[in-house]
Structures are given as C-alpha cells and as structure tokens.
Amino acid sequence: DARRQLDFFDASLGRAGGLAVLDYAGVPLPGPQELHTTTRLVHSYGLAQIAGRPDHAGIIDRGMSDLWTRHRDSQHGGYVWSVDSEGVADG
C-alpha cells in the first residue's frame, strides 16, 4: 500500500516545478504550494528512501529546495504558509 501511494504522489511534482496538491485522480490542483504539503511529502519520501524505495520523481530534492528558497522567510525568520508562482501567497 505504501508503494502504491508513493507511486500516486509522484505526480505531486508539478509541471511548474513546485509540489502540488493532487485531486483523487492524481491530477495537480491549481493554487498555492502550502508548507504542510511540502514538509509532508519530503518527510514521507525520506522515510520511503530509507526503506529502500528510490525517489523516482525527485520529491525530496525539490521539496528541500522549496523549503529553503521559497517557503523560508529570510527577512523575518521562520517560514511562510504558502507560495505561488509570484512569491508569497500567504505569509
């Protein structure tokens, strides 16, 4: 079941490069990339990699990059809740 779910969530790596929320069919939904989605995917794929399942989609690297370059608030500290193609959607 875990492998099936990871195969499904590989589609979270959106066409624009961010990590997307998926609908029930596995299609990326429009809207901002939320912090909890990014961290959940990085954590889940990290555990899967430790268990021997390769990160075929590059979710870990993309998520870590997004956490450091898009979600992180370098001016005030901490992290913003959501980002979109134009920057901070909800700080």
C-alpha atoms as a PDB file:
ATOM      1  CA  ASP A   1       0.000   0.000   0.000  1.00  0.00           C
ATOM      2  CA  ALA A   2       2.843   2.401   0.794  1.00  0.00           C
ATOM      3  CA  ARG A   3       4.440   1.791  -2.616  1.00  0.00           C
ATOM      4  CA  ARG A   4       1.091   2.330  -4.339  1.00  0.00           C
ATOM      5  CA  GLN A   5       0.603   5.622  -2.521  1.00  0.00           C
ATOM      6  CA  LEU A   6       4.127   6.818  -3.324  1.00  0.00           C
ATOM      7  CA  ASP A   7       3.585   5.952  -6.999  1.00  0.00           C
ATOM      8  CA  PHE A   8       0.395   8.028  -6.863  1.00  0.00           C
ATOM      9  CA  PHE A   9       2.080  11.001  -5.154  1.00  0.00           C
ATOM     10  CA  ASP A  10       4.972  11.066  -7.661  1.00  0.00           C
ATOM     11  CA  ALA A  11       2.609  13.308  -9.662  1.00  0.00           C
ATOM     12  CA  SER A  12       2.947  15.926  -6.884  1.00  0.00           C
ATOM     13  CA  LEU A  13       5.999  17.254  -8.674  1.00  0.00           C
ATOM     14  CA  GLY A  14       4.028  19.816 -10.648  1.00  0.00           C
ATOM     15  CA  ARG A  15       4.726  20.867 -14.191  1.00  0.00           C
ATOM     16  CA  ALA A  16       5.961  24.266 -12.997  1.00  0.00           C
ATOM     17  CA  GLY A  17       8.443  22.562 -10.657  1.00  0.00           C
ATOM     18  CA  GLY A  18       6.691  23.114  -7.332  1.00  0.00           C
ATOM     19  CA  LEU A  19       4.976  20.460  -5.248  1.00  0.00           C
ATOM     20  CA  ALA A  20       1.243  20.295  -5.889  1.00  0.00           C
ATOM     21  CA  VAL A  21      -1.782  19.038  -4.011  1.00  0.00           C
ATOM     22  CA  LEU A  22      -3.487  16.302  -6.057  1.00  0.00           C
ATOM     23  CA  ASP A  23      -7.129  15.545  -6.696  1.00  0.00           C
ATOM     24  CA  TYR A  24      -8.487  11.997  -6.254  1.00  0.00           C
ATOM     25  CA  ALA A  25      -7.402  11.116  -9.794  1.00  0.00           C
ATOM     26  CA  GLY A  26      -3.825  12.257  -9.139  1.00  0.00           C
ATOM     27  CA  VAL A  27      -4.080  15.468 -11.145  1.00  0.00           C
ATOM     28  CA  PRO A  28      -2.306  18.516  -9.648  1.00  0.00           C
ATOM     29  CA  LEU A  29      -4.782  21.092  -8.365  1.00  0.00           C
ATOM     30  CA  PRO A  30      -4.334  24.783  -9.102  1.00  0.00           C
ATOM     31  CA  GLY A  31      -3.428  27.050  -6.257  1.00  0.00           C
ATOM     32  CA  PRO A  32      -0.526  27.824  -3.979  1.00  0.00           C
ATOM     33  CA  GLN A  33       2.009  25.360  -2.599  1.00  0.00           C
ATOM     34  CA  GLU A  34       1.375  25.071   1.131  1.00  0.00           C
ATOM     35  CA  LEU A  35       4.066  24.498   3.724  1.00  0.00           C
ATOM     36  CA  HIS A  36       2.395  21.411   5.206  1.00  0.00           C
ATOM     37  CA  THR A  37       2.193  19.761   1.772  1.00  0.00           C
ATOM     38  CA  THR A  38       5.868  20.404   1.117  1.00  0.00           C
ATOM     39  CA  THR A  39       7.019  19.102   4.505  1.00  0.00           C
ATOM     40  CA  ARG A  40       4.678  16.078   4.404  1.00  0.00           C
ATOM     41  CA  LEU A  41       5.982  15.000   1.017  1.00  0.00           C
ATOM     42  CA  VAL A  42       9.651  15.472   1.975  1.00  0.00           C
ATOM     43  CA  HIS A  43       9.135  13.500   5.200  1.00  0.00           C
ATOM     44  CA  SER A  44       7.190  10.671   3.541  1.00  0.00           C
ATOM     45  CA  TYR A  45       9.616  10.281   0.642  1.00  0.00           C
ATOM     46  CA  GLY A  46      12.583  10.456   3.022  1.00  0.00           C
ATOM     47  CA  LEU A  47      11.162   7.571   5.065  1.00  0.00           C
ATOM     48  CA  ALA A  48      10.454   5.645   1.869  1.00  0.00           C
ATOM     49  CA  GLN A  49      14.022   6.142   0.672  1.00  0.00           C
ATOM     50  CA  ILE A  50      15.339   4.818   3.987  1.00  0.00           C
ATOM     51  CA  ALA A  51      13.069   1.789   3.479  1.00  0.00           C
ATOM     52  CA  GLY A  52      14.599   1.183   0.027  1.00  0.00           C
ATOM     53  CA  ARG A  53      12.174   2.865  -2.378  1.00  0.00           C
ATOM     54  CA  PRO A  54      14.024   5.334  -4.631  1.00  0.00           C
ATOM     55  CA  ASP A  55      12.632   8.846  -5.025  1.00  0.00           C
ATOM     56  CA  HIS A  56      11.842   8.484  -8.730  1.00  0.00           C
ATOM     57  CA  ALA A  57      10.227  11.925  -9.033  1.00  0.00           C
ATOM     58  CA  GLY A  58      12.857  13.924  -7.119  1.00  0.00           C
ATOM     59  CA  ILE A  59      10.343  14.996  -4.468  1.00  0.00           C
ATOM     60  CA  ILE A  60      12.943  15.206  -1.670  1.00  0.00           C
ATOM     61  CA  ASP A  61      15.349  17.478  -3.547  1.00  0.00           C
ATOM     62  CA  ARG A  62      12.572  19.682  -4.910  1.00  0.00           C
ATOM     63  CA  GLY A  63      10.878  19.946  -1.523  1.00  0.00           C
ATOM     64  CA  MET A  64      14.094  20.803   0.313  1.00  0.00           C
ATOM     65  CA  SER A  65      14.899  23.416  -2.316  1.00  0.00           C
ATOM     66  CA  ASP A  66      11.413  24.921  -1.976  1.00  0.00           C
ATOM     67  CA  LEU A  67      11.666  24.970   1.815  1.00  0.00           C
ATOM     68  CA  TRP A  68      14.976  26.827   1.638  1.00  0.00           C
ATOM     69  CA  THR A  69      14.311  29.198  -1.269  1.00  0.00           C
ATOM     70  CA  ARG A  70      10.540  29.716  -1.432  1.00  0.00           C
ATOM     71  CA  HIS A  71       8.958  28.997   1.971  1.00  0.00           C
ATOM     72  CA  ARG A  72      11.740  30.386   4.170  1.00  0.00           C
ATOM     73  CA  ASP A  73      11.277  33.985   5.274  1.00  0.00           C
ATOM     74  CA  SER A  74      14.869  35.192   5.274  1.00  0.00           C
ATOM     75  CA  GLN A  75      13.850  38.707   6.297  1.00  0.00           C
ATOM     76  CA  HIS A  76      11.806  37.899   9.423  1.00  0.00           C
ATOM     77  CA  GLY A  77      12.784  34.303  10.171  1.00  0.00           C
ATOM     78  CA  GLY A  78      10.555  31.280  10.043  1.00  0.00           C
ATOM     79  CA  TYR A  79       8.549  30.072   7.079  1.00  0.00           C
ATOM     80  CA  VAL A  80       5.590  31.367   5.079  1.00  0.00           C
ATOM     81  CA  TRP A  81       2.432  29.265   4.875  1.00  0.00           C
ATOM     82  CA  SER A  82       2.039  29.203   1.101  1.00  0.00           C
ATOM     83  CA  VAL A  83       3.791  30.298  -2.081  1.00  0.00           C
ATOM     84  CA  ASP A  84       2.774  30.540  -5.714  1.00  0.00           C
ATOM     85  CA  SER A  85       4.466  31.439  -8.984  1.00  0.00           C
ATOM     86  CA  GLU A  86       4.630  35.105  -7.937  1.00  0.00           C
ATOM     87  CA  GLY A  87       6.078  34.542  -4.449  1.00  0.00           C
ATOM     88  CA  VAL A  88       4.390  34.587  -1.053  1.00  0.00           C
ATOM     89  CA  ALA A  89       0.668  33.772  -1.296  1.00  0.00           C
ATOM     90  CA  ASP A  90       0.054  33.653   2.463  1.00  0.00           C
ATOM     91  CA  GLY A  91       2.764  34.789   4.865  1.00  0.00           C
END
